[in-house]
Amino acid sequence: MDERVLRRGRVVDAHREPIPAALVSVEWGTAPTPDIARLTNEAGEFQVALPPGHFRIVAVTEDGRSGQIEVEGGAGDEIVLHMDAAAPEP
């Protein structure tokens, strides 16, 4: 029986402004998840199906900014992932 629940999320900056075109993926978890990354839409939104368990979700932008959040899978509130303020120095 598949117990994954579709969760909605947003990737935002320090001012809570949306970050479009960020690549979002599940980095690790206590239960199997598909190895699929998603791009955020223009409003910084994404969706991910998560079974019960604990997961780390990461987001990376084309200019190198990144952020991560650890969440519980299954049903829950919207996931809000905050990005670093600036891209790393080369």
C-alpha atoms as a PDB file:
ATOM      1  CA  MET A   1       0.000   0.000   0.000  1.00  0.00           C
ATOM      2  CA  ASP A   2       1.421   3.361  -1.069  1.00  0.00           C
ATOM      3  CA  GLU A   3       1.095   5.862   1.796  1.00  0.00           C
ATOM      4  CA  ARG A   4       2.737   8.833   0.068  1.00  0.00           C
ATOM      5  CA  VAL A   5       0.959  12.153   0.481  1.00  0.00           C
ATOM      6  CA  LEU A   6       1.329  14.990  -2.024  1.00  0.00           C
ATOM      7  CA  ARG A   7       2.732  17.978  -0.137  1.00  0.00           C
ATOM      8  CA  ARG A   8       2.872  21.545  -1.418  1.00  0.00           C
ATOM      9  CA  GLY A   9       5.839  23.773  -0.770  1.00  0.00           C
ATOM     10  CA  ARG A  10       7.435  27.109  -1.610  1.00  0.00           C
ATOM     11  CA  VAL A  11      11.037  28.250  -1.977  1.00  0.00           C
ATOM     12  CA  VAL A  12      11.534  31.827  -0.748  1.00  0.00           C
ATOM     13  CA  ASP A  13      14.367  34.263  -0.045  1.00  0.00           C
ATOM     14  CA  ALA A  14      15.107  36.126   3.196  1.00  0.00           C
ATOM     15  CA  HIS A  15      12.316  38.614   2.377  1.00  0.00           C
ATOM     16  CA  ARG A  16       9.841  35.767   1.741  1.00  0.00           C
ATOM     17  CA  GLU A  17       9.880  36.567  -1.987  1.00  0.00           C
ATOM     18  CA  PRO A  18       9.379  33.512  -4.219  1.00  0.00           C
ATOM     19  CA  ILE A  19      12.342  31.918  -5.995  1.00  0.00           C
ATOM     20  CA  PRO A  20      11.311  30.602  -9.436  1.00  0.00           C
ATOM     21  CA  ALA A  21      13.268  27.881 -11.293  1.00  0.00           C
ATOM     22  CA  ALA A  22      14.956  26.458  -8.173  1.00  0.00           C
ATOM     23  CA  LEU A  23      15.753  22.734  -8.435  1.00  0.00           C
ATOM     24  CA  VAL A  24      14.093  20.944  -5.484  1.00  0.00           C
ATOM     25  CA  SER A  25      14.875  17.357  -4.487  1.00  0.00           C
ATOM     26  CA  VAL A  26      14.711  14.986  -1.528  1.00  0.00           C
ATOM     27  CA  GLU A  27      18.337  14.590  -0.399  1.00  0.00           C
ATOM     28  CA  TRP A  28      17.695  11.768   2.096  1.00  0.00           C
ATOM     29  CA  GLY A  29      14.960  10.211   4.121  1.00  0.00           C
ATOM     30  CA  THR A  30      13.955   7.369   6.386  1.00  0.00           C
ATOM     31  CA  ALA A  31      11.698   5.913   3.665  1.00  0.00           C
ATOM     32  CA  PRO A  32      12.205   5.484  -0.091  1.00  0.00           C
ATOM     33  CA  THR A  33      11.239   8.389  -2.331  1.00  0.00           C
ATOM     34  CA  PRO A  34      11.522   8.751  -6.108  1.00  0.00           C
ATOM     35  CA  ASP A  35      14.815  10.185  -7.403  1.00  0.00           C
ATOM     36  CA  ILE A  36      13.074  13.039  -9.167  1.00  0.00           C
ATOM     37  CA  ALA A  37      13.925  16.719  -8.867  1.00  0.00           C
ATOM     38  CA  ARG A  38      11.380  19.421  -9.555  1.00  0.00           C
ATOM     39  CA  LEU A  39      11.694  23.045 -10.673  1.00  0.00           C
ATOM     40  CA  THR A  40       9.715  25.662  -8.781  1.00  0.00           C
ATOM     41  CA  ASN A  41       7.170  27.626 -10.784  1.00  0.00           C
ATOM     42  CA  GLU A  42       7.061  31.445 -11.101  1.00  0.00           C
ATOM     43  CA  ALA A  43       5.542  31.670  -7.596  1.00  0.00           C
ATOM     44  CA  GLY A  44       8.356  29.522  -6.117  1.00  0.00           C
ATOM     45  CA  GLU A  45       5.936  26.617  -5.608  1.00  0.00           C
ATOM     46  CA  PHE A  46       6.618  22.881  -5.855  1.00  0.00           C
ATOM     47  CA  GLN A  47       4.949  19.596  -4.937  1.00  0.00           C
ATOM     48  CA  VAL A  48       6.510  16.418  -3.584  1.00  0.00           C
ATOM     49  CA  ALA A  49       4.960  13.072  -2.601  1.00  0.00           C
ATOM     50  CA  LEU A  50       6.272  11.925   0.783  1.00  0.00           C
ATOM     51  CA  PRO A  51       5.481   8.771   2.739  1.00  0.00           C
ATOM     52  CA  PRO A  52       5.538   8.851   6.547  1.00  0.00           C
ATOM     53  CA  GLY A  53       9.096   9.384   7.788  1.00  0.00           C
ATOM     54  CA  HIS A  54      11.728  12.099   8.135  1.00  0.00           C
ATOM     55  CA  PHE A  55      13.221  13.823   5.053  1.00  0.00           C
ATOM     56  CA  ARG A  56      15.711  16.510   4.053  1.00  0.00           C
ATOM     57  CA  ILE A  57      14.586  18.589   1.087  1.00  0.00           C
ATOM     58  CA  VAL A  58      17.139  20.782  -0.692  1.00  0.00           C
ATOM     59  CA  ALA A  59      16.798  23.520  -3.287  1.00  0.00           C
ATOM     60  CA  VAL A  60      19.498  25.001  -5.521  1.00  0.00           C
ATOM     61  CA  THR A  61      19.299  27.889  -7.955  1.00  0.00           C
ATOM     62  CA  GLU A  62      21.190  28.313 -11.203  1.00  0.00           C
ATOM     63  CA  ASP A  63      23.341  31.042  -9.580  1.00  0.00           C
ATOM     64  CA  GLY A  64      24.384  28.727  -6.737  1.00  0.00           C
ATOM     65  CA  ARG A  65      22.111  29.790  -3.887  1.00  0.00           C
ATOM     66  CA  SER A  66      20.881  26.899  -1.801  1.00  0.00           C
ATOM     67  CA  GLY A  67      18.682  26.015   1.106  1.00  0.00           C
ATOM     68  CA  GLN A  68      17.407  22.972   2.921  1.00  0.00           C
ATOM     69  CA  ILE A  69      14.740  21.934   5.371  1.00  0.00           C
ATOM     70  CA  GLU A  70      13.986  18.761   7.294  1.00  0.00           C
ATOM     71  CA  VAL A  71      10.334  17.734   7.378  1.00  0.00           C
ATOM     72  CA  GLU A  72       8.115  14.894   8.497  1.00  0.00           C
ATOM     73  CA  GLY A  73       6.473  13.044   5.625  1.00  0.00           C
ATOM     74  CA  GLY A  74       2.829  12.217   5.215  1.00  0.00           C
ATOM     75  CA  ALA A  75       0.140  14.845   5.661  1.00  0.00           C
ATOM     76  CA  GLY A  76       1.199  18.223   7.000  1.00  0.00           C
ATOM     77  CA  ASP A  77       1.443  21.941   6.531  1.00  0.00           C
ATOM     78  CA  GLU A  78       2.941  23.649   3.505  1.00  0.00           C
ATOM     79  CA  ILE A  79       6.737  23.247   3.329  1.00  0.00           C
ATOM     80  CA  VAL A  80       8.513  26.628   3.253  1.00  0.00           C
ATOM     81  CA  LEU A  81      12.167  26.339   2.284  1.00  0.00           C
ATOM     82  CA  HIS A  82      14.319  29.462   2.814  1.00  0.00           C
ATOM     83  CA  MET A  83      17.256  30.094   0.468  1.00  0.00           C
ATOM     84  CA  ASP A  84      20.640  31.501   1.466  1.00  0.00           C
ATOM     85  CA  ALA A  85      20.828  35.274   1.055  1.00  0.00           C
ATOM     86  CA  ALA A  86      23.592  35.194  -1.554  1.00  0.00           C
ATOM     87  CA  ALA A  87      25.335  32.823  -3.912  1.00  0.00           C
ATOM     88  CA  PRO A  88      28.666  31.425  -2.710  1.00  0.00           C
ATOM     89  CA  GLU A  89      31.879  33.112  -3.841  1.00  0.00           C
ATOM     90  CA  PRO A  90      33.647  31.354  -6.750  1.00  0.00           C
END
